[in-house]
Each structure stands twice: as C-alpha cells, then as structure tokens.
Amino acid sequence: MKRKVVFFLLKFVFGFGLLFYLVFFNARPQGIIAVFKGVSWPMVLLAFSLHSFGLLFSAKRWKLILDDRKADFSLWQLTQSLLVGIFFNHFLPTRFGGDVVRIRDTRHIEQGMTASLAVVVYERMSGIAALLILAMISSLLRIRFISELPLLYVSLIVSLAGISLLLLAWKKMPRGFLAAIRCPRSWLQKILLKLNMFHGIILDFLEHRRLSKKVFFWAVLLQLNVVLHYFFIGRALNLDRIPFLDYFFSIPIMLFILSFPVSINGVGVRDFFLVRLFVYYHYSASFAIAFSLLDVAFNLALGILGGVIYIFRKK
C-alpha cells in the first residue's frame, strides 16, 4: 500500500509540477487570460455538445460486446457507468482508470469479473487501434510531417507495431495453454486459470468477425467525433493556422500518450505535448494551455455529472 501511495504522489508532483512550470514560466497567466478574451463561446458549446455523441457511440460499442456475452444492459445504464468512470478518472493515474468502475458495474455477467474485464479490454483495444490507424492514414496525407516531426512518426509506427505483435501473439497462443501449466502453489494455479479464461474470451471476440467489424465501426465513429471535438475547440480559440486534417494526426498521438500512467489523468503531460505541437504552427504556449484548459473544463463538467450519478446510485 505504501508503494502505491509513493507512486501516486510521484505522478501527482510530476504532473502538477510540469503544469505549474508551463503556466507560470512558459505561457504566463496574463497571456492565457488574453487568449480566453477572444474565445468564441458558440464554438465552445458546439465542441462540448459532441460529448453527447461520444457517450452514445461508446455505450453502443460496449453494449455490442456485452450482448455477445448474453448480458442484458441498456444504453442508459452503460452511459451512466461511463459518466461515473469519467468522474473517477480525475483521481486515478490514467485516462483508463475509470474503467475499474465499468468492470465492477458489469461483473455479474457470465464468467463474472474476468469476462467483464475482457469486455472492457477488448473495447479499449479496438479504440486504440482505430485511433492509431486514423493517425497513420492522416499522416500519410500530410507527408511533410515525416521530416518536420519525426518523433511523432516513430512513436506512431512503434505503437502500431506493438499492437500488431500483441494481437499476433494472442492469436497464436493455443486455447487452454495457460490452464495446462501445472504449478505447485494453488494460488498461482488459480491465477493461471483466470488468465486462461481471459485469453479464451478475447479469442472469442477476435474470431467473431462480424462482431469485430461492428465494434471497429463504432470505434472509428467515436474517434472521428473526438477529433472533431478538438477541432471545434481550436476554432473556438481562433487557431486558424492549424489545418483540419492535422487534427486527425496530432490528436490521436496525444490521446495515446495520455494513456501512459505518468501523471494523474494526463495533467501536465497533455499541456507539454500541446505546447510543443503549437510551436510548430507558430502559436505561443498561452494558446496551448488555453486549449488544454478548455478540454479539462469539459471533462470536469462530465466528471461532476458522473459524481452526482454515483452518489445517487449509492442511495
């Protein structure tokens, strides 16, 4: 428990320390305020409204996979769980921290918590795959980035290669392989049996081609909605020098980077990435921090709604 607390504190200090430095020594508060004075509030509302579509697409994708496991959840139930997950994301180290809530909410399906975990993992992996594929396609259409932003290309290619190798290894492992391993310790044997069940459920999903196509369709639709959401944030801040197509490359990379647990909910890391990115388009750090703060404000609003739902459910 002490180790977890230490790691949490390190991530907290790193994330908020980086944000403090960027706000007060790079962007300057007065510069950020000046950016917000010129904001287009109708565009802000339009950007925020796209979250409703995002929740619908996410719930639909999740429901498709759960239905395949003969689970009976409505879109409204799953949407509530998604909002509660967003609430907990604000306190957990990655953007996926709230998935613990989602796994708990669907743990009563057949094969229990293991199947619930497998469903969420499969859903998330489909989203990451869609995100990276969109980034790769859009980057090829903006080929000049290869020489100008090589580090982003390297990270994108390595990420795609990693997912492909993981998928290949998963499919090559025979069913029942982990269960066949004999261990002298009963607790370790139980873990292997759970892992074997988890492996089998993911294989079921991968081998169900029709389901995979539907899940990937909703994953792509969700990611397109996410990119469009960020595009409207840019328009709200009058970031006219950033082409529409470039959002399809830069935003997926940012979201992928935020999946790594180096700070609390991406605090600081998101801002640092945007500052470095906006330099390329000749925008000051003030615009990058303002862009990030709008994104955080939207998520806080959704988190508050999720917190209210969580409290109400507890009653």
Protein backbone atom coordinates (compact mmCIF):
# COMPACT_ATOMS: atom_id res chain seq x y z
CA MET A 1 0.00 0.00 0.00
CA LYS A 2 2.88 2.38 0.83
CA ARG A 3 4.42 1.78 -2.58
CA LYS A 4 1.11 2.71 -4.28
CA VAL A 5 0.93 5.92 -2.27
CA VAL A 6 4.52 6.82 -3.21
CA PHE A 7 3.85 6.23 -6.91
CA PHE A 8 0.64 8.25 -6.70
CA LEU A 9 2.46 11.15 -5.07
CA LEU A 10 5.26 11.00 -7.66
CA LYS A 11 2.75 11.16 -10.50
CA PHE A 12 0.88 13.97 -8.75
CA VAL A 13 4.03 16.03 -8.19
CA PHE A 14 5.33 15.37 -11.70
CA GLY A 15 2.06 16.24 -13.46
CA PHE A 16 1.12 19.31 -11.47
CA GLY A 17 4.74 20.46 -11.23
CA LEU A 18 5.02 20.35 -15.02
CA LEU A 19 1.69 22.18 -15.38
CA PHE A 20 2.80 24.85 -12.86
CA TYR A 21 6.00 25.44 -14.79
CA LEU A 22 4.20 25.71 -18.14
CA VAL A 23 1.53 28.07 -16.82
CA PHE A 24 3.72 30.43 -14.78
CA PHE A 25 7.09 30.31 -16.54
CA ASN A 26 6.22 29.47 -20.14
CA ALA A 27 2.72 30.65 -21.04
CA ARG A 28 2.19 33.24 -18.26
CA PRO A 29 -1.30 33.66 -16.70
CA GLN A 30 -1.90 37.05 -18.35
CA GLY A 31 -1.24 35.52 -21.76
CA ILE A 32 -3.75 32.72 -21.13
CA ILE A 33 -6.37 35.24 -19.98
CA ALA A 34 -5.79 37.26 -23.15
CA VAL A 35 -6.46 34.15 -25.26
CA PHE A 36 -9.73 33.48 -23.43
CA LYS A 37 -10.90 37.05 -24.03
CA GLY A 38 -11.14 36.27 -27.73
CA VAL A 39 -12.85 32.90 -27.38
CA SER A 40 -15.92 32.06 -29.47
CA TRP A 41 -18.46 30.73 -26.97
CA PRO A 42 -20.83 29.29 -29.60
CA MET A 43 -17.92 27.14 -30.81
CA VAL A 44 -17.17 26.17 -27.20
CA LEU A 45 -20.77 24.98 -26.75
CA LEU A 46 -20.62 23.11 -30.07
CA ALA A 47 -17.42 21.34 -29.00
CA PHE A 48 -18.94 20.39 -25.64
CA SER A 49 -22.14 19.12 -27.26
CA LEU A 50 -20.16 16.48 -29.16
CA HIS A 51 -19.55 14.70 -25.84
CA SER A 52 -23.17 13.52 -26.00
CA PHE A 53 -22.45 11.74 -29.29
CA GLY A 54 -19.22 10.36 -27.84
CA LEU A 55 -21.06 8.85 -24.88
CA LEU A 56 -23.66 7.34 -27.21
CA PHE A 57 -21.03 5.81 -29.51
CA SER A 58 -19.07 4.44 -26.52
CA ALA A 59 -22.16 2.94 -24.90
CA LYS A 60 -23.24 1.39 -28.21
CA ARG A 61 -19.83 -0.23 -28.76
CA TRP A 62 -19.73 -1.52 -25.19
CA LYS A 63 -23.27 -2.89 -25.46
CA LEU A 64 -22.44 -4.79 -28.67
CA ILE A 65 -19.69 -6.70 -26.89
CA LEU A 66 -21.76 -7.31 -23.76
CA ASP A 67 -24.67 -8.57 -25.85
CA ASP A 68 -22.31 -11.12 -27.36
CA ARG A 69 -21.78 -12.43 -23.81
CA LYS A 70 -25.59 -12.67 -23.33
CA ALA A 71 -25.59 -9.72 -20.93
CA ASP A 72 -28.66 -7.53 -20.53
CA PHE A 73 -27.70 -3.87 -20.14
CA SER A 74 -29.47 -0.86 -21.60
CA LEU A 75 -27.68 2.02 -23.31
CA TRP A 76 -28.77 4.30 -20.47
CA GLN A 77 -27.22 2.02 -17.82
CA LEU A 78 -23.96 1.89 -19.73
CA THR A 79 -23.95 5.65 -20.33
CA GLN A 80 -24.33 6.23 -16.60
CA SER A 81 -21.43 3.88 -15.93
CA LEU A 82 -19.31 5.74 -18.48
CA LEU A 83 -20.04 9.06 -16.75
CA VAL A 84 -19.18 7.62 -13.33
CA GLY A 85 -15.96 6.31 -14.87
CA ILE A 86 -15.11 9.82 -16.07
CA PHE A 87 -15.66 11.05 -12.50
CA PHE A 88 -13.11 8.55 -11.16
CA ASN A 89 -10.68 9.32 -13.99
CA HIS A 90 -9.98 12.63 -12.27
CA PHE A 91 -8.42 10.84 -9.30
CA LEU A 92 -6.74 7.87 -10.99
CA PRO A 93 -3.39 7.87 -12.81
CA THR A 94 -4.52 7.26 -16.42
CA ARG A 95 -7.46 8.04 -18.70
CA PHE A 96 -8.38 4.37 -18.33
CA GLY A 97 -8.60 4.48 -14.52
CA GLY A 98 -12.36 4.84 -14.57
CA ASP A 99 -12.64 1.51 -16.37
CA VAL A 100 -12.41 -0.12 -12.94
CA VAL A 101 -15.91 1.27 -12.30
CA ARG A 102 -17.17 -0.12 -15.60
CA ILE A 103 -15.74 -3.55 -14.89
CA ARG A 104 -17.39 -3.55 -11.48
CA ASP A 105 -20.73 -2.43 -12.91
CA THR A 106 -20.85 -5.38 -15.34
CA ARG A 107 -19.23 -8.03 -13.15
CA HIS A 108 -22.43 -10.09 -12.84
CA ILE A 109 -22.30 -11.34 -16.42
CA GLU A 110 -21.50 -14.96 -17.25
CA GLN A 111 -17.91 -15.80 -16.17
CA GLY A 112 -18.02 -12.87 -13.80
CA MET A 113 -15.31 -10.30 -13.28
CA THR A 114 -12.92 -12.00 -15.71
CA ALA A 115 -15.40 -11.67 -18.58
CA SER A 116 -16.23 -8.09 -17.57
CA LEU A 117 -12.53 -7.23 -17.66
CA ALA A 118 -12.09 -8.93 -21.04
CA VAL A 119 -15.02 -6.97 -22.49
CA VAL A 120 -13.58 -3.62 -21.40
CA VAL A 121 -10.04 -4.53 -22.54
CA TYR A 122 -11.30 -5.64 -25.96
CA GLU A 123 -13.37 -2.48 -26.27
CA ARG A 124 -10.43 -0.26 -25.31
CA MET A 125 -8.03 -2.04 -27.67
CA SER A 126 -10.45 -1.53 -30.55
CA GLY A 127 -10.49 2.18 -29.73
CA ILE A 128 -6.70 2.42 -29.59
CA ALA A 129 -6.39 0.54 -32.89
CA ALA A 130 -8.91 2.87 -34.57
CA LEU A 131 -7.10 5.88 -33.11
CA LEU A 132 -3.69 4.83 -34.42
CA ILE A 133 -4.99 3.78 -37.85
CA LEU A 134 -6.69 7.16 -38.29
CA ALA A 135 -3.44 8.85 -37.27
CA MET A 136 -1.42 6.80 -39.75
CA ILE A 137 -3.79 7.48 -42.66
CA SER A 138 -3.95 11.20 -41.98
CA SER A 139 -0.16 11.40 -41.50
CA LEU A 140 0.41 9.86 -44.94
CA LEU A 141 -1.82 12.55 -46.39
CA ARG A 142 0.38 15.13 -44.62
CA ILE A 143 3.68 13.58 -45.66
CA ARG A 144 5.73 16.68 -44.82
CA PHE A 145 5.42 15.77 -41.15
CA ILE A 146 7.92 12.93 -41.69
CA SER A 147 10.85 15.34 -41.87
CA GLU A 148 9.42 18.04 -39.64
CA LEU A 149 8.02 15.93 -36.77
CA PRO A 150 9.94 12.62 -37.00
CA LEU A 151 9.49 11.74 -33.31
CA LEU A 152 5.71 11.60 -33.71
CA TYR A 153 6.07 9.27 -36.67
CA VAL A 154 8.42 6.98 -34.77
CA SER A 155 6.04 6.79 -31.80
CA LEU A 156 3.12 6.09 -34.13
CA ILE A 157 4.90 3.30 -36.02
CA VAL A 158 6.22 1.71 -32.81
CA SER A 159 2.73 1.80 -31.28
CA LEU A 160 1.11 0.17 -34.31
CA ALA A 161 3.86 -2.46 -34.45
CA GLY A 162 3.43 -3.19 -30.74
CA ILE A 163 -0.33 -3.70 -31.03
CA SER A 164 0.12 -5.89 -34.13
CA LEU A 165 2.66 -8.11 -32.38
CA LEU A 166 0.46 -8.38 -29.29
CA LEU A 167 -2.52 -9.37 -31.42
CA LEU A 168 -0.44 -11.95 -33.30
CA ALA A 169 0.94 -13.47 -30.10
CA TRP A 170 -2.55 -13.60 -28.59
CA LYS A 171 -3.97 -15.45 -31.59
CA LYS A 172 -1.01 -17.83 -31.83
CA MET A 173 -1.28 -18.96 -28.19
CA PRO A 174 -3.38 -22.17 -28.16
CA ARG A 175 -6.59 -22.27 -26.17
CA GLY A 176 -6.07 -23.89 -22.79
CA PHE A 177 -2.31 -23.35 -22.87
CA LEU A 178 -2.21 -21.46 -19.57
CA ALA A 179 -4.59 -23.90 -17.87
CA ALA A 180 -2.30 -26.79 -18.84
CA ILE A 181 0.61 -25.31 -16.88
CA ARG A 182 0.95 -27.05 -13.52
CA CYS A 183 2.13 -25.03 -10.53
CA PRO A 184 2.94 -26.31 -7.04
CA ARG A 185 1.19 -23.36 -5.42
CA SER A 186 -2.61 -23.31 -5.53
CA TRP A 187 -2.91 -19.50 -5.62
CA LEU A 188 -0.69 -19.31 -8.69
CA GLN A 189 -2.69 -22.08 -10.35
CA LYS A 190 -5.88 -20.08 -9.77
CA ILE A 191 -4.31 -17.03 -11.39
CA LEU A 192 -3.31 -19.08 -14.43
CA LEU A 193 -6.85 -20.43 -14.74
CA LYS A 194 -8.25 -16.90 -14.65
CA LEU A 195 -5.72 -15.76 -17.25
CA ASN A 196 -6.61 -18.75 -19.39
CA MET A 197 -10.29 -17.79 -19.21
CA PHE A 198 -9.43 -14.18 -20.06
CA HIS A 199 -7.35 -15.32 -23.05
CA GLY A 200 -10.19 -17.52 -24.30
CA ILE A 201 -12.81 -14.77 -24.09
CA ILE A 202 -10.63 -12.31 -26.04
CA LEU A 203 -10.05 -15.03 -28.65
CA ASP A 204 -13.81 -15.50 -28.94
CA PHE A 205 -14.16 -11.81 -29.72
CA LEU A 206 -11.30 -11.80 -32.24
CA GLU A 207 -12.65 -14.86 -34.04
CA HIS A 208 -16.15 -13.39 -34.24
CA ARG A 209 -15.54 -11.41 -37.43
CA ARG A 210 -18.98 -9.87 -37.65
CA LEU A 211 -18.76 -8.55 -34.09
CA SER A 212 -15.23 -7.25 -34.68
CA LYS A 213 -16.36 -5.28 -37.73
CA LYS A 214 -19.26 -3.71 -35.84
CA VAL A 215 -17.10 -2.85 -32.83
CA PHE A 216 -14.42 -1.33 -35.05
CA PHE A 217 -17.05 0.71 -36.93
CA TRP A 218 -18.28 2.31 -33.70
CA ALA A 219 -14.68 2.77 -32.54
CA VAL A 220 -13.83 4.69 -35.72
CA LEU A 221 -17.01 6.75 -35.40
CA LEU A 222 -16.10 7.58 -31.81
CA GLN A 223 -12.56 8.65 -32.71
CA LEU A 224 -13.80 10.81 -35.58
CA ASN A 225 -16.14 12.50 -33.11
CA VAL A 226 -13.26 13.03 -30.68
CA VAL A 227 -11.08 14.66 -33.34
CA LEU A 228 -13.98 16.85 -34.45
CA HIS A 229 -14.48 17.88 -30.80
CA TYR A 230 -10.88 19.08 -30.57
CA PHE A 231 -11.14 20.81 -33.95
CA PHE A 232 -14.03 22.91 -32.63
CA ILE A 233 -12.01 23.76 -29.51
CA GLY A 234 -9.32 25.03 -31.87
CA ARG A 235 -11.88 27.05 -33.79
CA ALA A 236 -13.21 28.47 -30.51
CA LEU A 237 -9.70 29.79 -29.81
CA ASN A 238 -9.27 31.05 -33.39
CA LEU A 239 -6.46 28.61 -34.22
CA ASP A 240 -6.87 29.15 -37.96
CA ARG A 241 -3.31 28.13 -38.84
CA ILE A 242 -3.91 24.51 -37.83
CA PRO A 243 -5.43 22.64 -40.83
CA PHE A 244 -8.42 20.39 -40.20
CA LEU A 245 -6.54 17.29 -41.40
CA ASP A 246 -3.69 17.87 -38.93
CA TYR A 247 -6.06 17.24 -36.01
CA PHE A 248 -6.50 13.67 -37.28
CA PHE A 249 -2.79 13.14 -36.84
CA SER A 250 -1.85 15.11 -33.74
CA ILE A 251 -4.87 14.43 -31.51
CA PRO A 252 -4.69 10.60 -31.74
CA ILE A 253 -1.00 10.78 -30.83
CA MET A 254 -1.80 13.00 -27.84
CA LEU A 255 -4.55 10.66 -26.62
CA PHE A 256 -2.28 7.65 -27.00
CA ILE A 257 0.48 9.35 -24.98
CA LEU A 258 -2.05 10.21 -22.27
CA SER A 259 -2.83 6.50 -21.84
CA PHE A 260 0.54 6.03 -20.13
CA PRO A 261 0.35 6.40 -16.32
CA VAL A 262 2.95 9.12 -15.82
CA SER A 263 0.63 11.69 -14.23
CA ILE A 264 -2.88 11.97 -12.78
CA ASN A 265 -5.34 11.93 -15.68
CA GLY A 266 -2.70 13.32 -18.04
CA VAL A 267 -2.23 16.58 -16.10
CA GLY A 268 0.91 18.34 -17.29
CA VAL A 269 1.65 15.77 -19.98
CA ARG A 270 -1.27 16.96 -22.13
CA ASP A 271 -0.12 20.57 -21.72
CA PHE A 272 3.51 19.82 -22.54
CA PHE A 273 2.53 17.95 -25.71
CA LEU A 274 0.27 20.78 -26.86
CA VAL A 275 2.91 23.44 -26.14
CA ARG A 276 5.45 21.54 -28.27
CA LEU A 277 2.88 20.94 -31.01
CA PHE A 278 1.61 24.53 -31.16
CA VAL A 279 5.16 25.84 -31.60
CA TYR A 280 5.15 24.14 -35.00
CA TYR A 281 2.15 26.28 -36.04
CA HIS A 282 3.73 29.43 -34.56
CA TYR A 283 1.30 29.71 -31.66
CA SER A 284 2.51 30.69 -28.20
CA ALA A 285 2.30 28.46 -25.14
CA SER A 286 -0.65 30.56 -23.96
CA PHE A 287 -2.81 29.17 -26.76
CA ALA A 288 -1.71 25.61 -25.95
CA ILE A 289 -2.55 25.98 -22.25
CA ALA A 290 -5.90 27.63 -23.05
CA PHE A 291 -6.70 24.74 -25.41
CA SER A 292 -5.82 22.24 -22.68
CA LEU A 293 -7.82 24.09 -20.01
CA LEU A 294 -10.96 24.02 -22.16
CA ASP A 295 -10.54 20.28 -22.61
CA VAL A 296 -10.06 19.82 -18.85
CA ALA A 297 -13.09 22.01 -18.11
CA PHE A 298 -15.28 19.85 -20.34
CA ASN A 299 -14.08 16.70 -18.61
CA LEU A 300 -14.60 18.26 -15.20
CA ALA A 301 -18.20 19.08 -16.14
CA LEU A 302 -18.78 15.49 -17.23
CA GLY A 303 -17.00 14.27 -14.10
CA ILE A 304 -19.28 16.33 -11.86
CA LEU A 305 -22.30 14.84 -13.62
CA GLY A 306 -20.79 11.40 -13.15
CA GLY A 307 -20.19 12.13 -9.47
CA VAL A 308 -23.83 13.11 -9.00
CA ILE A 309 -24.93 9.88 -10.69
CA TYR A 310 -22.54 7.91 -8.47
CA ILE A 311 -23.91 9.47 -5.28
CA PHE A 312 -27.49 8.95 -6.43
CA ARG A 313 -26.79 5.30 -7.27
CA LYS A 314 -25.34 4.78 -3.84
CA LYS A 315 -28.58 5.97 -2.26
